[in-house]
Amino acid sequence: MTELISSERWVKSSYSGGGGSCVEWAPTYASATGTVPVRDSKRPTGPTLAVSPRAWAGLVSLARSADV
């Protein structure tokens, strides 16, 4: 899967600010396939996690509700 989405536009988390811990996802790929690819922005050629839209929504909800 990583090869298929390497040319996709990746979007960095709005929570990344200036910190080093960032998550990116590829919304165009997610819309086209129904699978949300997620990766560590510090390792763009590293592993990619594929999750369902429901799992992605849960992760986003958890991140928004966390005390930061």
PDB file of N, CA and C in Angstrom:
ATOM      1  N   MET A   1       0.812  -1.187   0.000  1.00  0.00           N
ATOM      2  CA  MET A   1       0.000   0.000   0.000  1.00  0.00           C
ATOM      3  C   MET A   1       0.859   1.256   0.000  1.00  0.00           C
ATOM      4  N   THR A   2       1.984   1.255   0.676  1.00  0.00           N
ATOM      5  CA  THR A   2       2.819   2.444   0.775  1.00  0.00           C
ATOM      6  C   THR A   2       3.213   2.962  -0.602  1.00  0.00           C
ATOM      7  N   GLU A   3       3.521   2.066  -1.525  1.00  0.00           N
ATOM      8  CA  GLU A   3       3.909   2.481  -2.868  1.00  0.00           C
ATOM      9  C   GLU A   3       2.745   3.185  -3.559  1.00  0.00           C
ATOM     10  N   LEU A   4       1.524   2.697  -3.343  1.00  0.00           N
ATOM     11  CA  LEU A   4       0.357   3.261  -4.001  1.00  0.00           C
ATOM     12  C   LEU A   4       0.029   4.665  -3.516  1.00  0.00           C
ATOM     13  N   ILE A   5       0.349   4.967  -2.286  1.00  0.00           N
ATOM     14  CA  ILE A   5      -0.027   6.269  -1.752  1.00  0.00           C
ATOM     15  C   ILE A   5       1.154   7.206  -1.552  1.00  0.00           C
ATOM     16  N   SER A   6       2.329   6.815  -1.996  1.00  0.00           N
ATOM     17  CA  SER A   6       3.501   7.672  -1.799  1.00  0.00           C
ATOM     18  C   SER A   6       3.354   9.010  -2.511  1.00  0.00           C
ATOM     19  N   SER A   7       2.603   9.031  -3.617  1.00  0.00           N
ATOM     20  CA  SER A   7       2.442  10.282  -4.359  1.00  0.00           C
ATOM     21  C   SER A   7       1.200  11.060  -3.927  1.00  0.00           C
ATOM     22  N   GLU A   8       0.464  10.547  -2.965  1.00  0.00           N
ATOM     23  CA  GLU A   8      -0.731  11.232  -2.478  1.00  0.00           C
ATOM     24  C   GLU A   8      -0.355  12.508  -1.717  1.00  0.00           C
ATOM     25  N   ARG A   9      -1.306  13.405  -1.609  1.00  0.00           N
ATOM     26  CA  ARG A   9      -1.133  14.606  -0.794  1.00  0.00           C
ATOM     27  C   ARG A   9      -1.437  14.216   0.646  1.00  0.00           C
ATOM     28  N   TRP A  10      -0.463  14.391   1.498  1.00  0.00           N
ATOM     29  CA  TRP A  10      -0.618  14.064   2.911  1.00  0.00           C
ATOM     30  C   TRP A  10      -0.913  15.349   3.684  1.00  0.00           C
ATOM     31  N   VAL A  11      -1.787  15.245   4.671  1.00  0.00           N
ATOM     32  CA  VAL A  11      -2.187  16.389   5.484  1.00  0.00           C
ATOM     33  C   VAL A  11      -1.703  16.152   6.912  1.00  0.00           C
ATOM     34  N   LYS A  12      -0.968  17.126   7.433  1.00  0.00           N
ATOM     35  CA  LYS A  12      -0.436  17.018   8.790  1.00  0.00           C
ATOM     36  C   LYS A  12      -1.502  17.439   9.803  1.00  0.00           C
ATOM     37  N   SER A  13      -1.479  16.801  10.931  1.00  0.00           N
ATOM     38  CA  SER A  13      -2.409  17.120  12.005  1.00  0.00           C
ATOM     39  C   SER A  13      -2.325  18.595  12.377  1.00  0.00           C
ATOM     40  N   SER A  14      -3.470  19.199  12.623  1.00  0.00           N
ATOM     41  CA  SER A  14      -3.494  20.599  13.042  1.00  0.00           C
ATOM     42  C   SER A  14      -2.954  20.752  14.463  1.00  0.00           C
ATOM     43  N   TYR A  15      -2.828  19.650  15.183  1.00  0.00           N
ATOM     44  CA  TYR A  15      -2.303  19.681  16.543  1.00  0.00           C
ATOM     45  C   TYR A  15      -0.774  19.635  16.575  1.00  0.00           C
ATOM     46  N   SER A  16      -0.138  19.534  15.424  1.00  0.00           N
ATOM     47  CA  SER A  16       1.307  19.344  15.403  1.00  0.00           C
ATOM     48  C   SER A  16       2.064  20.574  15.868  1.00  0.00           C
ATOM     49  N   GLY A  17       1.550  21.768  15.597  1.00  0.00           N
ATOM     50  CA  GLY A  17       2.217  22.983  16.040  1.00  0.00           C
ATOM     51  C   GLY A  17       3.680  22.966  15.675  1.00  0.00           C
ATOM     52  N   GLY A  18       4.536  23.201  16.631  1.00  0.00           N
ATOM     53  CA  GLY A  18       5.973  23.164  16.388  1.00  0.00           C
ATOM     54  C   GLY A  18       6.614  21.926  16.965  1.00  0.00           C
ATOM     55  N   GLY A  19       5.799  21.032  17.521  1.00  0.00           N
ATOM     56  CA  GLY A  19       6.336  19.836  18.169  1.00  0.00           C
ATOM     57  C   GLY A  19       6.816  18.795  17.186  1.00  0.00           C
ATOM     58  N   GLY A  20       7.472  17.775  17.687  1.00  0.00           N
ATOM     59  CA  GLY A  20       8.029  16.745  16.839  1.00  0.00           C
ATOM     60  C   GLY A  20       7.107  15.561  16.600  1.00  0.00           C
ATOM     61  N   SER A  21       6.050  15.425  17.373  1.00  0.00           N
ATOM     62  CA  SER A  21       5.146  14.286  17.222  1.00  0.00           C
ATOM     63  C   SER A  21       3.969  14.679  16.341  1.00  0.00           C
ATOM     64  N   CYS A  22       3.986  14.175  15.116  1.00  0.00           N
ATOM     65  CA  CYS A  22       2.940  14.554  14.168  1.00  0.00           C
ATOM     66  C   CYS A  22       2.381  13.324  13.460  1.00  0.00           C
ATOM     67  N   VAL A  23       1.097  13.403  13.169  1.00  0.00           N
ATOM     68  CA  VAL A  23       0.413  12.362  12.411  1.00  0.00           C
ATOM     69  C   VAL A  23      -0.064  12.992  11.110  1.00  0.00           C
ATOM     70  N   GLU A  24       0.057  12.243  10.018  1.00  0.00           N
ATOM     71  CA  GLU A  24      -0.443  12.696   8.727  1.00  0.00           C
ATOM     72  C   GLU A  24      -1.417  11.662   8.179  1.00  0.00           C
ATOM     73  N   TRP A  25      -2.323  12.117   7.325  1.00  0.00           N
ATOM     74  CA  TRP A  25      -3.245  11.214   6.650  1.00  0.00           C
ATOM     75  C   TRP A  25      -3.432  11.691   5.218  1.00  0.00           C
ATOM     76  N   ALA A  26      -3.926  10.817   4.350  1.00  0.00           N
ATOM     77  CA  ALA A  26      -4.110  11.133   2.936  1.00  0.00           C
ATOM     78  C   ALA A  26      -5.609  11.124   2.615  1.00  0.00           C
ATOM     79  N   PRO A  27      -6.258  12.298   2.693  1.00  0.00           N
ATOM     80  CA  PRO A  27      -7.704  12.355   2.518  1.00  0.00           C
ATOM     81  C   PRO A  27      -8.204  11.954   1.132  1.00  0.00           C
ATOM     82  N   THR A  28      -7.471  12.248   0.079  1.00  0.00           N
ATOM     83  CA  THR A  28      -7.911  11.874  -1.264  1.00  0.00           C
ATOM     84  C   THR A  28      -7.948  10.364  -1.415  1.00  0.00           C
ATOM     85  N   TYR A  29      -6.918   9.700  -0.912  1.00  0.00           N
ATOM     86  CA  TYR A  29      -6.865   8.236  -0.948  1.00  0.00           C
ATOM     87  C   TYR A  29      -8.014   7.666  -0.114  1.00  0.00           C
ATOM     88  N   ALA A  30      -8.253   8.257   1.042  1.00  0.00           N
ATOM     89  CA  ALA A  30      -9.324   7.785   1.923  1.00  0.00           C
ATOM     90  C   ALA A  30     -10.683   7.900   1.229  1.00  0.00           C
ATOM     91  N   SER A  31     -10.925   9.006   0.559  1.00  0.00           N
ATOM     92  CA  SER A  31     -12.193   9.201  -0.143  1.00  0.00           C
ATOM     93  C   SER A  31     -12.370   8.202  -1.277  1.00  0.00           C
ATOM     94  N   ALA A  32     -11.281   7.908  -1.975  1.00  0.00           N
ATOM     95  CA  ALA A  32     -11.353   7.022  -3.134  1.00  0.00           C
ATOM     96  C   ALA A  32     -11.479   5.546  -2.753  1.00  0.00           C
ATOM     97  N   THR A  33     -10.919   5.164  -1.604  1.00  0.00           N
ATOM     98  CA  THR A  33     -10.848   3.745  -1.264  1.00  0.00           C
ATOM     99  C   THR A  33     -11.653   3.330  -0.041  1.00  0.00           C
ATOM    100  N   GLY A  34     -12.007   4.285   0.814  1.00  0.00           N
ATOM    101  CA  GLY A  34     -12.697   3.940   2.052  1.00  0.00           C
ATOM    102  C   GLY A  34     -11.752   3.440   3.125  1.00  0.00           C
ATOM    103  N   THR A  35     -10.452   3.576   2.895  1.00  0.00           N
ATOM    104  CA  THR A  35      -9.423   3.210   3.862  1.00  0.00           C
ATOM    105  C   THR A  35      -8.586   4.445   4.140  1.00  0.00           C
ATOM    106  N   VAL A  36      -8.376   4.754   5.414  1.00  0.00           N
ATOM    107  CA  VAL A  36      -7.641   5.956   5.786  1.00  0.00           C
ATOM    108  C   VAL A  36      -6.183   5.591   6.095  1.00  0.00           C
ATOM    109  N   PRO A  37      -5.247   6.050   5.253  1.00  0.00           N
ATOM    110  CA  PRO A  37      -3.838   5.807   5.540  1.00  0.00           C
ATOM    111  C   PRO A  37      -3.309   6.852   6.524  1.00  0.00           C
ATOM    112  N   VAL A  38      -2.551   6.383   7.502  1.00  0.00           N
ATOM    113  CA  VAL A  38      -2.004   7.240   8.546  1.00  0.00           C
ATOM    114  C   VAL A  38      -0.509   6.933   8.668  1.00  0.00           C
ATOM    115  N   ARG A  39       0.294   7.976   8.866  1.00  0.00           N
ATOM    116  CA  ARG A  39       1.742   7.767   9.027  1.00  0.00           C
ATOM    117  C   ARG A  39       2.332   8.806   9.964  1.00  0.00           C
ATOM    118  N   ASP A  40       3.551   8.551  10.377  1.00  0.00           N
ATOM    119  CA  ASP A  40       4.328   9.467  11.201  1.00  0.00           C
ATOM    120  C   ASP A  40       4.980  10.477  10.257  1.00  0.00           C
ATOM    121  N   SER A  41       4.729  11.754  10.451  1.00  0.00           N
ATOM    122  CA  SER A  41       5.265  12.766   9.540  1.00  0.00           C
ATOM    123  C   SER A  41       6.788  12.824   9.547  1.00  0.00           C
ATOM    124  N   LYS A  42       7.410  12.359  10.619  1.00  0.00           N
ATOM    125  CA  LYS A  42       8.869  12.349  10.682  1.00  0.00           C
ATOM    126  C   LYS A  42       9.462  11.207   9.865  1.00  0.00           C
ATOM    127  N   ARG A  43       8.623  10.248   9.461  1.00  0.00           N
ATOM    128  CA  ARG A  43       9.092   9.081   8.704  1.00  0.00           C
ATOM    129  C   ARG A  43       8.206   8.870   7.462  1.00  0.00           C
ATOM    130  N   PRO A  44       8.247   9.796   6.504  1.00  0.00           N
ATOM    131  CA  PRO A  44       7.353   9.703   5.347  1.00  0.00           C
ATOM    132  C   PRO A  44       7.558   8.455   4.489  1.00  0.00           C
ATOM    133  N   THR A  45       8.713   7.842   4.573  1.00  0.00           N
ATOM    134  CA  THR A  45       8.924   6.597   3.825  1.00  0.00           C
ATOM    135  C   THR A  45       8.797   5.376   4.730  1.00  0.00           C
ATOM    136  N   GLY A  46       8.421   5.609   5.972  1.00  0.00           N
ATOM    137  CA  GLY A  46       8.263   4.519   6.926  1.00  0.00           C
ATOM    138  C   GLY A  46       6.927   3.824   6.763  1.00  0.00           C
ATOM    139  N   PRO A  47       6.554   3.018   7.724  1.00  0.00           N
ATOM    140  CA  PRO A  47       5.303   2.261   7.628  1.00  0.00           C
ATOM    141  C   PRO A  47       4.065   3.157   7.637  1.00  0.00           C
ATOM    142  N   THR A  48       3.027   2.664   6.999  1.00  0.00           N
ATOM    143  CA  THR A  48       1.739   3.344   6.951  1.00  0.00           C
ATOM    144  C   THR A  48       0.692   2.435   7.571  1.00  0.00           C
ATOM    145  N   LEU A  49      -0.109   2.997   8.425  1.00  0.00           N
ATOM    146  CA  LEU A  49      -1.194   2.264   9.061  1.00  0.00           C
ATOM    147  C   LEU A  49      -2.475   2.553   8.297  1.00  0.00           C
ATOM    148  N   ALA A  50      -3.238   1.521   7.955  1.00  0.00           N
ATOM    149  CA  ALA A  50      -4.516   1.700   7.262  1.00  0.00           C
ATOM    150  C   ALA A  50      -5.642   1.380   8.237  1.00  0.00           C
ATOM    151  N   VAL A  51      -6.540   2.352   8.414  1.00  0.00           N
ATOM    152  CA  VAL A  51      -7.647   2.165   9.343  1.00  0.00           C
ATOM    153  C   VAL A  51      -8.971   2.483   8.650  1.00  0.00           C
ATOM    154  N   SER A  52     -10.041   2.021   9.243  1.00  0.00           N
ATOM    155  CA  SER A  52     -11.373   2.312   8.711  1.00  0.00           C
ATOM    156  C   SER A  52     -11.724   3.772   9.009  1.00  0.00           C
ATOM    157  N   PRO A  53     -12.656   4.342   8.257  1.00  0.00           N
ATOM    158  CA  PRO A  53     -13.089   5.700   8.571  1.00  0.00           C
ATOM    159  C   PRO A  53     -13.624   5.830  10.003  1.00  0.00           C
ATOM    160  N   ARG A  54     -14.299   4.797  10.484  1.00  0.00           N
ATOM    161  CA  ARG A  54     -14.819   4.828  11.859  1.00  0.00           C
ATOM    162  C   ARG A  54     -13.678   4.870  12.878  1.00  0.00           C
ATOM    163  N   ALA A  55     -12.641   4.070  12.651  1.00  0.00           N
ATOM    164  CA  ALA A  55     -11.485   4.076  13.553  1.00  0.00           C
ATOM    165  C   ALA A  55     -10.775   5.428  13.507  1.00  0.00           C
ATOM    166  N   TRP A  56     -10.654   6.007  12.320  1.00  0.00           N
ATOM    167  CA  TRP A  56     -10.006   7.313  12.169  1.00  0.00           C
ATOM    168  C   TRP A  56     -10.814   8.378  12.923  1.00  0.00           C
ATOM    169  N   ALA A  57     -12.135   8.350  12.785  1.00  0.00           N
ATOM    170  CA  ALA A  57     -12.986   9.310  13.491  1.00  0.00           C
ATOM    171  C   ALA A  57     -12.809   9.174  15.006  1.00  0.00           C
ATOM    172  N   GLY A  58     -12.686   7.940  15.486  1.00  0.00           N
ATOM    173  CA  GLY A  58     -12.465   7.714  16.909  1.00  0.00           C
ATOM    174  C   GLY A  58     -11.133   8.271  17.374  1.00  0.00           C
ATOM    175  N   LEU A  59     -10.098   8.089  16.568  1.00  0.00           N
ATOM    176  CA  LEU A  59      -8.775   8.609  16.909  1.00  0.00           C
ATOM    177  C   LEU A  59      -8.783  10.136  16.945  1.00  0.00           C
ATOM    178  N   VAL A  60      -9.418  10.742  15.972  1.00  0.00           N
ATOM    179  CA  VAL A  60      -9.512  12.206  15.932  1.00  0.00           C
ATOM    180  C   VAL A  60     -10.294  12.710  17.142  1.00  0.00           C
ATOM    181  N   SER A  61     -11.383  12.055  17.472  1.00  0.00           N
ATOM    182  CA  SER A  61     -12.185  12.445  18.628  1.00  0.00           C
ATOM    183  C   SER A  61     -11.376  12.341  19.914  1.00  0.00           C
ATOM    184  N   LEU A  62     -10.636  11.268  20.050  1.00  0.00           N
ATOM    185  CA  LEU A  62      -9.790  11.080  21.230  1.00  0.00           C
ATOM    186  C   LEU A  62      -8.724  12.180  21.324  1.00  0.00           C
ATOM    187  N   ALA A  63      -8.114  12.499  20.204  1.00  0.00           N
ATOM    188  CA  ALA A  63      -7.077  13.549  20.199  1.00  0.00           C
ATOM    189  C   ALA A  63      -7.653  14.903  20.575  1.00  0.00           C
ATOM    190  N   ARG A  64      -8.841  15.183  20.096  1.00  0.00           N
ATOM    191  CA  ARG A  64      -9.479  16.472  20.396  1.00  0.00           C
ATOM    192  C   ARG A  64      -9.876  16.580  21.863  1.00  0.00           C
ATOM    193  N   SER A  65     -10.198  15.478  22.486  1.00  0.00           N
ATOM    194  CA  SER A  65     -10.667  15.507  23.870  1.00  0.00           C
ATOM    195  C   SER A  65      -9.536  15.384  24.891  1.00  0.00           C
ATOM    196  N   ALA A  66      -8.343  15.049  24.427  1.00  0.00           N
ATOM    197  CA  ALA A  66      -7.216  14.826  25.340  1.00  0.00           C
ATOM    198  C   ALA A  66      -6.716  16.147  25.918  1.00  0.00           C
ATOM    199  N   ASP A  67      -6.277  16.101  27.138  1.00  0.00           N
ATOM    200  CA  ASP A  67      -5.634  17.280  27.754  1.00  0.00           C
ATOM    201  C   ASP A  67      -4.230  17.361  27.212  1.00  0.00           C
ATOM    202  N   VAL A  68      -3.934  18.465  26.579  1.00  0.00           N
ATOM    203  CA  VAL A  68      -2.616  18.635  25.972  1.00  0.00           C
ATOM    204  C   VAL A  68      -1.845  19.713  26.680  1.00  0.00           C
TER     205      VAL A  68
END
